[in-house]
Amino acid sequence: MARLVKFEVFGQEFPLYTDAPEDEVREILDLVKTQFEEYEQSSSVGVLPANKVAVLSSLNLAGKYVKLRKDFEAYKKSLDELLDRVDHKIDSTL
Protein backbone atom coordinates (compact mmCIF):
# COMPACT_ATOMS: atom_id res chain seq x y z
CA MET A 1 0.00 0.00 0.00
CA ALA A 2 1.44 3.35 -1.05
CA ARG A 3 2.16 5.88 1.68
CA LEU A 4 3.02 9.55 1.59
CA VAL A 5 6.66 10.45 2.18
CA LYS A 6 7.72 14.10 2.37
CA PHE A 7 11.27 15.27 1.84
CA GLU A 8 12.94 18.63 1.66
CA VAL A 9 15.46 19.88 -0.90
CA PHE A 10 16.68 23.48 -1.14
CA GLY A 11 14.11 24.55 1.42
CA GLN A 12 11.18 23.15 -0.56
CA GLU A 13 9.09 20.22 0.60
CA PHE A 14 8.16 17.52 -1.91
CA PRO A 15 5.48 14.86 -1.39
CA LEU A 16 6.07 11.38 -2.78
CA TYR A 17 3.75 8.39 -2.72
CA THR A 18 5.59 5.08 -2.55
CA ASP A 19 5.15 1.50 -1.48
CA ALA A 20 8.92 0.93 -1.23
CA PRO A 21 10.24 -0.28 2.13
CA GLU A 22 11.20 2.45 4.60
CA ASP A 23 14.94 1.63 4.53
CA GLU A 24 14.94 1.80 0.71
CA VAL A 25 13.15 5.16 0.72
CA ARG A 26 15.62 6.52 3.26
CA GLU A 27 18.56 5.32 1.15
CA ILE A 28 17.11 6.90 -2.01
CA LEU A 29 16.42 10.22 -0.30
CA ASP A 30 19.91 10.24 1.25
CA LEU A 31 21.43 9.63 -2.17
CA VAL A 32 19.43 12.50 -3.71
CA LYS A 33 20.28 14.87 -0.86
CA THR A 34 23.97 13.97 -1.10
CA GLN A 35 23.90 14.63 -4.83
CA PHE A 36 22.27 18.04 -4.32
CA GLU A 37 24.71 18.91 -1.53
CA GLU A 38 27.64 18.17 -3.87
CA TYR A 39 26.30 20.71 -6.35
CA GLU A 40 25.46 23.13 -3.56
CA GLN A 41 29.08 23.06 -2.33
CA SER A 42 30.54 23.56 -5.80
CA SER A 43 31.49 27.07 -6.85
CA SER A 44 29.07 27.17 -9.80
CA VAL A 45 25.91 26.59 -7.77
CA GLY A 46 25.61 30.24 -6.84
CA VAL A 47 24.78 31.04 -10.44
CA LEU A 48 22.53 28.04 -11.10
CA PRO A 49 18.84 28.05 -10.21
CA ALA A 50 17.61 25.16 -8.07
CA ASN A 51 15.71 23.56 -10.95
CA LYS A 52 18.90 23.36 -13.04
CA VAL A 53 20.77 21.82 -10.10
CA ALA A 54 17.95 19.27 -9.85
CA VAL A 55 18.25 18.42 -13.55
CA LEU A 56 22.06 18.15 -13.36
CA SER A 57 21.78 15.95 -10.28
CA SER A 58 19.23 13.74 -12.02
CA LEU A 59 21.48 13.38 -15.05
CA ASN A 60 24.44 12.53 -12.84
CA LEU A 61 22.46 9.87 -10.96
CA ALA A 62 21.10 8.47 -14.24
CA GLY A 63 24.64 8.26 -15.60
CA LYS A 64 25.76 6.35 -12.52
CA TYR A 65 22.79 4.01 -12.88
CA VAL A 66 23.53 3.29 -16.54
CA LYS A 67 27.20 2.57 -15.76
CA LEU A 68 26.23 0.28 -12.89
CA ARG A 69 23.72 -1.56 -15.08
CA LYS A 70 26.35 -2.07 -17.81
CA ASP A 71 28.92 -3.23 -15.25
CA PHE A 72 26.39 -5.70 -13.86
CA GLU A 73 25.57 -7.04 -17.34
CA ALA A 74 29.29 -7.52 -18.03
CA TYR A 75 29.66 -9.29 -14.67
CA LYS A 76 26.75 -11.62 -15.46
CA LYS A 77 28.22 -12.41 -18.87
CA SER A 78 31.65 -13.23 -17.44
CA LEU A 79 30.04 -15.34 -14.71
CA ASP A 80 27.99 -17.25 -17.30
CA GLU A 81 31.15 -17.89 -19.33
CA LEU A 82 32.96 -19.12 -16.23
CA LEU A 83 30.09 -21.42 -15.34
CA ASP A 84 30.05 -22.80 -18.88
CA ARG A 85 33.78 -23.55 -18.64
CA VAL A 86 33.36 -25.24 -15.26
CA ASP A 87 30.41 -27.24 -16.57
CA HIS A 88 32.43 -28.31 -19.61
CA LYS A 89 35.39 -29.26 -17.41
CA ILE A 90 33.14 -31.35 -15.16
CA ASP A 91 31.53 -33.08 -18.15
CA SER A 92 34.90 -33.87 -19.70
CA THR A 93 36.21 -35.27 -16.41
CA LEU A 94 33.25 -37.59 -15.95
PDB file of N, CA and C in Angstrom:
ATOM      1  N   MET A   1       0.840  -1.180   0.000  1.00  0.00           N
ATOM      2  CA  MET A   1       0.000   0.000   0.000  1.00  0.00           C
ATOM      3  C   MET A   1       0.887   1.245   0.000  1.00  0.00           C
ATOM      4  N   ALA A   2       0.637   2.127  -0.919  1.00  0.00           N
ATOM      5  CA  ALA A   2       1.442   3.345  -1.046  1.00  0.00           C
ATOM      6  C   ALA A   2       1.187   4.270   0.141  1.00  0.00           C
ATOM      7  N   ARG A   3       2.266   4.920   0.585  1.00  0.00           N
ATOM      8  CA  ARG A   3       2.164   5.883   1.678  1.00  0.00           C
ATOM      9  C   ARG A   3       2.836   7.176   1.245  1.00  0.00           C
ATOM     10  N   LEU A   4       2.468   8.248   1.908  1.00  0.00           N
ATOM     11  CA  LEU A   4       3.023   9.553   1.594  1.00  0.00           C
ATOM     12  C   LEU A   4       4.329   9.755   2.349  1.00  0.00           C
ATOM     13  N   VAL A   5       5.360  10.118   1.608  1.00  0.00           N
ATOM     14  CA  VAL A   5       6.657  10.452   2.184  1.00  0.00           C
ATOM     15  C   VAL A   5       6.958  11.880   1.751  1.00  0.00           C
ATOM     16  N   LYS A   6       7.364  12.716   2.695  1.00  0.00           N
ATOM     17  CA  LYS A   6       7.720  14.096   2.365  1.00  0.00           C
ATOM     18  C   LYS A   6       9.213  14.275   2.593  1.00  0.00           C
ATOM     19  N   PHE A   7       9.853  14.978   1.675  1.00  0.00           N
ATOM     20  CA  PHE A   7      11.272  15.269   1.844  1.00  0.00           C
ATOM     21  C   PHE A   7      11.548  16.690   1.399  1.00  0.00           C
ATOM     22  N   GLU A   8      12.628  17.234   1.916  1.00  0.00           N
ATOM     23  CA  GLU A   8      12.944  18.629   1.656  1.00  0.00           C
ATOM     24  C   GLU A   8      14.272  18.749   0.910  1.00  0.00           C
ATOM     25  N   VAL A   9      14.264  19.583  -0.122  1.00  0.00           N
ATOM     26  CA  VAL A   9      15.464  19.879  -0.896  1.00  0.00           C
ATOM     27  C   VAL A   9      15.449  21.367  -1.195  1.00  0.00           C
ATOM     28  N   PHE A  10      16.556  22.040  -0.910  1.00  0.00           N
ATOM     29  CA  PHE A  10      16.677  23.482  -1.143  1.00  0.00           C
ATOM     30  C   PHE A  10      15.542  24.270  -0.493  1.00  0.00           C
ATOM     31  N   GLY A  11      15.139  23.833   0.691  1.00  0.00           N
ATOM     32  CA  GLY A  11      14.108  24.547   1.423  1.00  0.00           C
ATOM     33  C   GLY A  11      12.694  24.322   0.922  1.00  0.00           C
ATOM     34  N   GLN A  12      12.514  23.453  -0.051  1.00  0.00           N
ATOM     35  CA  GLN A  12      11.182  23.149  -0.561  1.00  0.00           C
ATOM     36  C   GLN A  12      10.817  21.728  -0.185  1.00  0.00           C
ATOM     37  N   GLU A  13       9.563  21.542   0.227  1.00  0.00           N
ATOM     38  CA  GLU A  13       9.088  20.219   0.599  1.00  0.00           C
ATOM     39  C   GLU A  13       8.419  19.562  -0.598  1.00  0.00           C
ATOM     40  N   PHE A  14       8.723  18.283  -0.803  1.00  0.00           N
ATOM     41  CA  PHE A  14       8.165  17.517  -1.914  1.00  0.00           C
ATOM     42  C   PHE A  14       7.450  16.287  -1.378  1.00  0.00           C
ATOM     43  N   PRO A  15       6.193  16.081  -1.784  1.00  0.00           N
ATOM     44  CA  PRO A  15       5.483  14.860  -1.389  1.00  0.00           C
ATOM     45  C   PRO A  15       5.755  13.748  -2.403  1.00  0.00           C
ATOM     46  N   LEU A  16       5.812  12.536  -1.922  1.00  0.00           N
ATOM     47  CA  LEU A  16       6.066  11.384  -2.782  1.00  0.00           C
ATOM     48  C   LEU A  16       5.262  10.209  -2.253  1.00  0.00           C
ATOM     49  N   TYR A  17       4.469   9.598  -3.100  1.00  0.00           N
ATOM     50  CA  TYR A  17       3.748   8.390  -2.716  1.00  0.00           C
ATOM     51  C   TYR A  17       4.561   7.191  -3.164  1.00  0.00           C
ATOM     52  N   THR A  18       4.780   6.248  -2.242  1.00  0.00           N
ATOM     53  CA  THR A  18       5.588   5.080  -2.549  1.00  0.00           C
ATOM     54  C   THR A  18       5.153   3.886  -1.714  1.00  0.00           C
ATOM     55  N   ASP A  19       5.380   2.719  -2.258  1.00  0.00           N
ATOM     56  CA  ASP A  19       5.154   1.503  -1.478  1.00  0.00           C
ATOM     57  C   ASP A  19       6.485   0.790  -1.211  1.00  0.00           C
ATOM     58  N   ALA A  20       7.584   1.477  -1.492  1.00  0.00           N
ATOM     59  CA  ALA A  20       8.919   0.927  -1.231  1.00  0.00           C
ATOM     60  C   ALA A  20       9.141   0.826   0.279  1.00  0.00           C
ATOM     61  N   PRO A  21       9.942  -0.149   0.710  1.00  0.00           N
ATOM     62  CA  PRO A  21      10.245  -0.283   2.133  1.00  0.00           C
ATOM     63  C   PRO A  21      10.917   0.978   2.682  1.00  0.00           C
ATOM     64  N   GLU A  22      10.707   1.237   3.956  1.00  0.00           N
ATOM     65  CA  GLU A  22      11.203   2.450   4.602  1.00  0.00           C
ATOM     66  C   GLU A  22      12.711   2.612   4.448  1.00  0.00           C
ATOM     67  N   ASP A  23      13.475   1.530   4.637  1.00  0.00           N
ATOM     68  CA  ASP A  23      14.937   1.629   4.526  1.00  0.00           C
ATOM     69  C   ASP A  23      15.366   1.979   3.105  1.00  0.00           C
ATOM     70  N   GLU A  24      14.636   1.477   2.115  1.00  0.00           N
ATOM     71  CA  GLU A  24      14.937   1.797   0.715  1.00  0.00           C
ATOM     72  C   GLU A  24      14.641   3.267   0.420  1.00  0.00           C
ATOM     73  N   VAL A  25      13.518   3.757   0.910  1.00  0.00           N
ATOM     74  CA  VAL A  25      13.147   5.160   0.717  1.00  0.00           C
ATOM     75  C   VAL A  25      14.196   6.059   1.348  1.00  0.00           C
ATOM     76  N   ARG A  26      14.613   5.724   2.558  1.00  0.00           N
ATOM     77  CA  ARG A  26      15.624   6.524   3.260  1.00  0.00           C
ATOM     78  C   ARG A  26      16.934   6.543   2.466  1.00  0.00           C
ATOM     79  N   GLU A  27      17.324   5.391   1.931  1.00  0.00           N
ATOM     80  CA  GLU A  27      18.564   5.319   1.152  1.00  0.00           C
ATOM     81  C   GLU A  27      18.461   6.161  -0.122  1.00  0.00           C
ATOM     82  N   ILE A  28      17.330   6.108  -0.787  1.00  0.00           N
ATOM     83  CA  ILE A  28      17.111   6.900  -2.006  1.00  0.00           C
ATOM     84  C   ILE A  28      17.169   8.390  -1.697  1.00  0.00           C
ATOM     85  N   LEU A  29      16.453   8.801  -0.660  1.00  0.00           N
ATOM     86  CA  LEU A  29      16.424  10.217  -0.305  1.00  0.00           C
ATOM     87  C   LEU A  29      17.798  10.708   0.136  1.00  0.00           C
ATOM     88  N   ASP A  30      18.539   9.867   0.858  1.00  0.00           N
ATOM     89  CA  ASP A  30      19.905  10.242   1.253  1.00  0.00           C
ATOM     90  C   ASP A  30      20.802  10.415   0.036  1.00  0.00           C
ATOM     91  N   LEU A  31      20.640   9.538  -0.946  1.00  0.00           N
ATOM     92  CA  LEU A  31      21.432   9.634  -2.168  1.00  0.00           C
ATOM     93  C   LEU A  31      21.118  10.931  -2.919  1.00  0.00           C
ATOM     94  N   VAL A  32      19.840  11.265  -3.023  1.00  0.00           N
ATOM     95  CA  VAL A  32      19.434  12.498  -3.710  1.00  0.00           C
ATOM     96  C   VAL A  32      19.956  13.723  -2.962  1.00  0.00           C
ATOM     97  N   LYS A  33      19.802  13.729  -1.638  1.00  0.00           N
ATOM     98  CA  LYS A  33      20.277  14.870  -0.855  1.00  0.00           C
ATOM     99  C   LYS A  33      21.787  15.026  -0.972  1.00  0.00           C
ATOM    100  N   THR A  34      22.512  13.921  -0.955  1.00  0.00           N
ATOM    101  CA  THR A  34      23.973  13.966  -1.102  1.00  0.00           C
ATOM    102  C   THR A  34      24.343  14.557  -2.453  1.00  0.00           C
ATOM    103  N   GLN A  35      23.635  14.127  -3.490  1.00  0.00           N
ATOM    104  CA  GLN A  35      23.905  14.635  -4.832  1.00  0.00           C
ATOM    105  C   GLN A  35      23.673  16.138  -4.890  1.00  0.00           C
ATOM    106  N   PHE A  36      22.569  16.608  -4.327  1.00  0.00           N
ATOM    107  CA  PHE A  36      22.275  18.040  -4.317  1.00  0.00           C
ATOM    108  C   PHE A  36      23.307  18.809  -3.505  1.00  0.00           C
ATOM    109  N   GLU A  37      23.722  18.243  -2.375  1.00  0.00           N
ATOM    110  CA  GLU A  37      24.712  18.914  -1.531  1.00  0.00           C
ATOM    111  C   GLU A  37      26.046  19.063  -2.259  1.00  0.00           C
ATOM    112  N   GLU A  38      26.403  18.071  -3.090  1.00  0.00           N
ATOM    113  CA  GLU A  38      27.640  18.166  -3.870  1.00  0.00           C
ATOM    114  C   GLU A  38      27.583  19.360  -4.811  1.00  0.00           C
ATOM    115  N   TYR A  39      26.438  19.557  -5.460  1.00  0.00           N
ATOM    116  CA  TYR A  39      26.298  20.709  -6.352  1.00  0.00           C
ATOM    117  C   TYR A  39      26.238  22.010  -5.559  1.00  0.00           C
ATOM    118  N   GLU A  40      25.593  21.943  -4.392  1.00  0.00           N
ATOM    119  CA  GLU A  40      25.459  23.134  -3.560  1.00  0.00           C
ATOM    120  C   GLU A  40      26.828  23.619  -3.089  1.00  0.00           C
ATOM    121  N   GLN A  41      27.750  22.701  -2.828  1.00  0.00           N
ATOM    122  CA  GLN A  41      29.076  23.059  -2.333  1.00  0.00           C
ATOM    123  C   GLN A  41      30.029  23.474  -3.451  1.00  0.00           C
ATOM    124  N   SER A  42      29.658  23.178  -4.703  1.00  0.00           N
ATOM    125  CA  SER A  42      30.541  23.557  -5.804  1.00  0.00           C
ATOM    126  C   SER A  42      30.446  25.067  -6.036  1.00  0.00           C
ATOM    127  N   SER A  43      31.445  25.616  -6.660  1.00  0.00           N
ATOM    128  CA  SER A  43      31.489  27.067  -6.854  1.00  0.00           C
ATOM    129  C   SER A  43      30.452  27.563  -7.849  1.00  0.00           C
ATOM    130  N   SER A  44      29.985  26.711  -8.755  1.00  0.00           N
ATOM    131  CA  SER A  44      29.068  27.169  -9.799  1.00  0.00           C
ATOM    132  C   SER A  44      27.614  27.220  -9.348  1.00  0.00           C
ATOM    133  N   VAL A  45      27.302  26.645  -8.194  1.00  0.00           N
ATOM    134  CA  VAL A  45      25.910  26.587  -7.769  1.00  0.00           C
ATOM    135  C   VAL A  45      25.311  27.968  -7.537  1.00  0.00           C
ATOM    136  N   GLY A  46      26.123  28.910  -7.099  1.00  0.00           N
ATOM    137  CA  GLY A  46      25.607  30.244  -6.837  1.00  0.00           C
ATOM    138  C   GLY A  46      24.940  30.873  -8.041  1.00  0.00           C
ATOM    139  N   VAL A  47      25.350  30.471  -9.224  1.00  0.00           N
ATOM    140  CA  VAL A  47      24.776  31.045 -10.436  1.00  0.00           C
ATOM    141  C   VAL A  47      23.707  30.160 -11.058  1.00  0.00           C
ATOM    142  N   LEU A  48      23.532  28.952 -10.538  1.00  0.00           N
ATOM    143  CA  LEU A  48      22.535  28.040 -11.096  1.00  0.00           C
ATOM    144  C   LEU A  48      21.254  28.056 -10.267  1.00  0.00           C
ATOM    145  N   PRO A  49      20.108  28.160 -10.926  1.00  0.00           N
ATOM    146  CA  PRO A  49      18.838  28.054 -10.209  1.00  0.00           C
ATOM    147  C   PRO A  49      18.631  26.613  -9.712  1.00  0.00           C
ATOM    148  N   ALA A  50      17.829  26.471  -8.689  1.00  0.00           N
ATOM    149  CA  ALA A  50      17.607  25.162  -8.068  1.00  0.00           C
ATOM    150  C   ALA A  50      17.095  24.126  -9.066  1.00  0.00           C
ATOM    151  N   ASN A  51      16.236  24.540 -10.001  1.00  0.00           N
ATOM    152  CA  ASN A  51      15.705  23.565 -10.954  1.00  0.00           C
ATOM    153  C   ASN A  51      16.805  23.023 -11.874  1.00  0.00           C
ATOM    154  N   LYS A  52      17.795  23.847 -12.205  1.00  0.00           N
ATOM    155  CA  LYS A  52      18.899  23.358 -13.036  1.00  0.00           C
ATOM    156  C   LYS A  52      19.800  22.420 -12.242  1.00  0.00           C
ATOM    157  N   VAL A  53      19.994  22.718 -10.957  1.00  0.00           N
ATOM    158  CA  VAL A  53      20.766  21.822 -10.100  1.00  0.00           C
ATOM    159  C   VAL A  53      20.056  20.474 -10.008  1.00  0.00           C
ATOM    160  N   ALA A  54      18.727  20.509  -9.910  1.00  0.00           N
ATOM    161  CA  ALA A  54      17.951  19.272  -9.853  1.00  0.00           C
ATOM    162  C   ALA A  54      18.119  18.458 -11.130  1.00  0.00           C
ATOM    163  N   VAL A  55      18.079  19.123 -12.266  1.00  0.00           N
ATOM    164  CA  VAL A  55      18.249  18.416 -13.547  1.00  0.00           C
ATOM    165  C   VAL A  55      19.662  17.842 -13.654  1.00  0.00           C
ATOM    166  N   LEU A  56      20.682  18.639 -13.307  1.00  0.00           N
ATOM    167  CA  LEU A  56      22.059  18.145 -13.357  1.00  0.00           C
ATOM    168  C   LEU A  56      22.261  16.967 -12.414  1.00  0.00           C
ATOM    169  N   SER A  57      21.678  17.050 -11.236  1.00  0.00           N
ATOM    170  CA  SER A  57      21.775  15.949 -10.279  1.00  0.00           C
ATOM    171  C   SER A  57      21.101  14.698 -10.820  1.00  0.00           C
ATOM    172  N   SER A  58      19.940  14.877 -11.436  1.00  0.00           N
ATOM    173  CA  SER A  58      19.228  13.742 -12.022  1.00  0.00           C
ATOM    174  C   SER A  58      20.039  13.096 -13.133  1.00  0.00           C
ATOM    175  N   LEU A  59      20.641  13.918 -13.976  1.00  0.00           N
ATOM    176  CA  LEU A  59      21.478  13.384 -15.054  1.00  0.00           C
ATOM    177  C   LEU A  59      22.690  12.639 -14.498  1.00  0.00           C
ATOM    178  N   ASN A  60      23.293  13.180 -13.457  1.00  0.00           N
ATOM    179  CA  ASN A  60      24.438  12.532 -12.837  1.00  0.00           C
ATOM    180  C   ASN A  60      24.041  11.169 -12.259  1.00  0.00           C
ATOM    181  N   LEU A  61      22.935  11.131 -11.533  1.00  0.00           N
ATOM    182  CA  LEU A  61      22.458   9.870 -10.964  1.00  0.00           C
ATOM    183  C   LEU A  61      22.088   8.870 -12.062  1.00  0.00           C
ATOM    184  N   ALA A  62      21.454   9.353 -13.121  1.00  0.00           N
ATOM    185  CA  ALA A  62      21.097   8.470 -14.236  1.00  0.00           C
ATOM    186  C   ALA A  62      22.349   7.907 -14.894  1.00  0.00           C
ATOM    187  N   GLY A  63      23.380   8.732 -15.034  1.00  0.00           N
ATOM    188  CA  GLY A  63      24.642   8.257 -15.599  1.00  0.00           C
ATOM    189  C   GLY A  63      25.274   7.175 -14.738  1.00  0.00           C
ATOM    190  N   LYS A  64      25.229   7.367 -13.436  1.00  0.00           N
ATOM    191  CA  LYS A  64      25.762   6.345 -12.515  1.00  0.00           C
ATOM    192  C   LYS A  64      24.967   5.051 -12.618  1.00  0.00           C
ATOM    193  N   TYR A  65      23.645   5.181 -12.747  1.00  0.00           N
ATOM    194  CA  TYR A  65      22.793   4.010 -12.876  1.00  0.00           C
ATOM    195  C   TYR A  65      23.105   3.232 -14.161  1.00  0.00           C
ATOM    196  N   VAL A  66      23.238   3.940 -15.265  1.00  0.00           N
ATOM    197  CA  VAL A  66      23.532   3.285 -16.542  1.00  0.00           C
ATOM    198  C   VAL A  66      24.877   2.561 -16.477  1.00  0.00           C
ATOM    199  N   LYS A  67      25.886   3.207 -15.899  1.00  0.00           N
ATOM    200  CA  LYS A  67      27.195   2.565 -15.762  1.00  0.00           C
ATOM    201  C   LYS A  67      27.102   1.325 -14.887  1.00  0.00           C
ATOM    202  N   LEU A  68      26.388   1.422 -13.793  1.00  0.00           N
ATOM    203  CA  LEU A  68      26.229   0.285 -12.888  1.00  0.00           C
ATOM    204  C   LEU A  68      25.504  -0.864 -13.582  1.00  0.00           C
ATOM    205  N   ARG A  69      24.459  -0.530 -14.357  1.00  0.00           N
ATOM    206  CA  ARG A  69      23.720  -1.561 -15.085  1.00  0.00           C
ATOM    207  C   ARG A  69      24.621  -2.251 -16.110  1.00  0.00           C
ATOM    208  N   LYS A  70      25.434  -1.479 -16.832  1.00  0.00           N
ATOM    209  CA  LYS A  70      26.346  -2.069 -17.813  1.00  0.00           C
ATOM    210  C   LYS A  70      27.404  -2.924 -17.127  1.00  0.00           C
ATOM    211  N   ASP A  71      27.937  -2.446 -16.007  1.00  0.00           N
ATOM    212  CA  ASP A  71      28.919  -3.229 -15.255  1.00  0.00           C
ATOM    213  C   ASP A  71      28.313  -4.545 -14.778  1.00  0.00           C
ATOM    214  N   PHE A  72      27.063  -4.495 -14.338  1.00  0.00           N
ATOM    215  CA  PHE A  72      26.393  -5.704 -13.865  1.00  0.00           C
ATOM    216  C   PHE A  72      26.167  -6.684 -15.012  1.00  0.00           C
ATOM    217  N   GLU A  73      25.769  -6.176 -16.168  1.00  0.00           N
ATOM    218  CA  GLU A  73      25.571  -7.040 -17.337  1.00  0.00           C
ATOM    219  C   GLU A  73      26.891  -7.709 -17.736  1.00  0.00           C
ATOM    220  N   ALA A  74      27.982  -6.952 -17.707  1.00  0.00           N
ATOM    221  CA  ALA A  74      29.290  -7.519 -18.027  1.00  0.00           C
ATOM    222  C   ALA A  74      29.681  -8.585 -16.993  1.00  0.00           C
ATOM    223  N   TYR A  75      29.381  -8.322 -15.729  1.00  0.00           N
ATOM    224  CA  TYR A  75      29.665  -9.289 -14.672  1.00  0.00           C
ATOM    225  C   TYR A  75      28.869 -10.578 -14.886  1.00  0.00           C
ATOM    226  N   LYS A  76      27.574 -10.431 -15.212  1.00  0.00           N
ATOM    227  CA  LYS A  76      26.745 -11.615 -15.457  1.00  0.00           C
ATOM    228  C   LYS A  76      27.284 -12.415 -16.641  1.00  0.00           C
ATOM    229  N   LYS A  77      27.698 -11.718 -17.697  1.00  0.00           N
ATOM    230  CA  LYS A  77      28.218 -12.408 -18.875  1.00  0.00           C
ATOM    231  C   LYS A  77      29.494 -13.172 -18.528  1.00  0.00           C
ATOM    232  N   SER A  78      30.407 -12.541 -17.794  1.00  0.00           N
ATOM    233  CA  SER A  78      31.648 -13.227 -17.440  1.00  0.00           C
ATOM    234  C   SER A  78      31.377 -14.392 -16.497  1.00  0.00           C
ATOM    235  N   LEU A  79      30.398 -14.254 -15.608  1.00  0.00           N
ATOM    236  CA  LEU A  79      30.045 -15.343 -14.707  1.00  0.00           C
ATOM    237  C   LEU A  79      29.429 -16.502 -15.483  1.00  0.00           C
ATOM    238  N   ASP A  80      28.572 -16.199 -16.453  1.00  0.00           N
ATOM    239  CA  ASP A  80      27.992 -17.251 -17.296  1.00  0.00           C
ATOM    240  C   ASP A  80      29.080 -17.992 -18.065  1.00  0.00           C
ATOM    241  N   GLU A  81      30.051 -17.253 -18.601  1.00  0.00           N
ATOM    242  CA  GLU A  81      31.153 -17.887 -19.328  1.00  0.00           C
ATOM    243  C   GLU A  81      31.972 -18.786 -18.399  1.00  0.00           C
ATOM    244  N   LEU A  82      32.223 -18.324 -17.206  1.00  0.00           N
ATOM    245  CA  LEU A  82      32.961 -19.118 -16.232  1.00  0.00           C
ATOM    246  C   LEU A  82      32.192 -20.379 -15.868  1.00  0.00           C
ATOM    247  N   LEU A  83      30.907 -20.248 -15.659  1.00  0.00           N
ATOM    248  CA  LEU A  83      30.091 -21.420 -15.335  1.00  0.00           C
ATOM    249  C   LEU A  83      30.055 -22.415 -16.490  1.00  0.00           C
ATOM    250  N   ASP A  84      30.009 -21.908 -17.710  1.00  0.00           N
ATOM    251  CA  ASP A  84      30.049 -22.797 -18.877  1.00  0.00           C
ATOM    252  C   ASP A  84      31.363 -23.573 -18.923  1.00  0.00           C
ATOM    253  N   ARG A  85      32.489 -22.879 -18.645  1.00  0.00           N
ATOM    254  CA  ARG A  85      33.784 -23.551 -18.637  1.00  0.00           C
ATOM    255  C   ARG A  85      33.861 -24.601 -17.539  1.00  0.00           C
ATOM    256  N   VAL A  86      33.359 -24.277 -16.372  1.00  0.00           N
ATOM    257  CA  VAL A  86      33.361 -25.236 -15.259  1.00  0.00           C
ATOM    258  C   VAL A  86      32.484 -26.428 -15.600  1.00  0.00           C
ATOM    259  N   ASP A  87      31.318 -26.165 -16.173  1.00  0.00           N
ATOM    260  CA  ASP A  87      30.411 -27.243 -16.570  1.00  0.00           C
ATOM    261  C   ASP A  87      31.070 -28.144 -17.602  1.00  0.00           C
ATOM    262  N   HIS A  88      31.732 -27.532 -18.587  1.00  0.00           N
ATOM    263  CA  HIS A  88      32.426 -28.311 -19.613  1.00  0.00           C
ATOM    264  C   HIS A  88      33.556 -29.137 -18.998  1.00  0.00           C
ATOM    265  N   LYS A  89      34.290 -28.561 -18.079  1.00  0.00           N
ATOM    266  CA  LYS A  89      35.387 -29.256 -17.409  1.00  0.00           C
ATOM    267  C   LYS A  89      34.851 -30.454 -16.614  1.00  0.00           C
ATOM    268  N   ILE A  90      33.744 -30.262 -15.925  1.00  0.00           N
ATOM    269  CA  ILE A  90      33.143 -31.354 -15.156  1.00  0.00           C
ATOM    270  C   ILE A  90      32.670 -32.457 -16.089  1.00  0.00           C
ATOM    271  N   ASP A  91      32.009 -32.084 -17.183  1.00  0.00           N
ATOM    272  CA  ASP A  91      31.527 -33.078 -18.146  1.00  0.00           C
ATOM    273  C   ASP A  91      32.675 -33.853 -18.760  1.00  0.00           C
ATOM    274  N   SER A  92      33.769 -33.179 -19.071  1.00  0.00           N
ATOM    275  CA  SER A  92      34.895 -33.866 -19.700  1.00  0.00           C
ATOM    276  C   SER A  92      35.637 -34.773 -18.706  1.00  0.00           C
ATOM    277  N   THR A  93      35.552 -34.461 -17.432  1.00  0.00           N
ATOM    278  CA  THR A  93      36.215 -35.266 -16.408  1.00  0.00           C
ATOM    279  C   THR A  93      35.419 -36.528 -16.119  1.00  0.00           C
ATOM    280  N   LEU A  94      34.092 -36.432 -16.232  1.00  0.00           N
ATOM    281  CA  LEU A  94      33.251 -37.589 -15.947  1.00  0.00           C
ATOM    282  C   LEU A  94      33.241 -38.476 -17.145  1.00  0.00           C
TER     283      LEU A  94
END
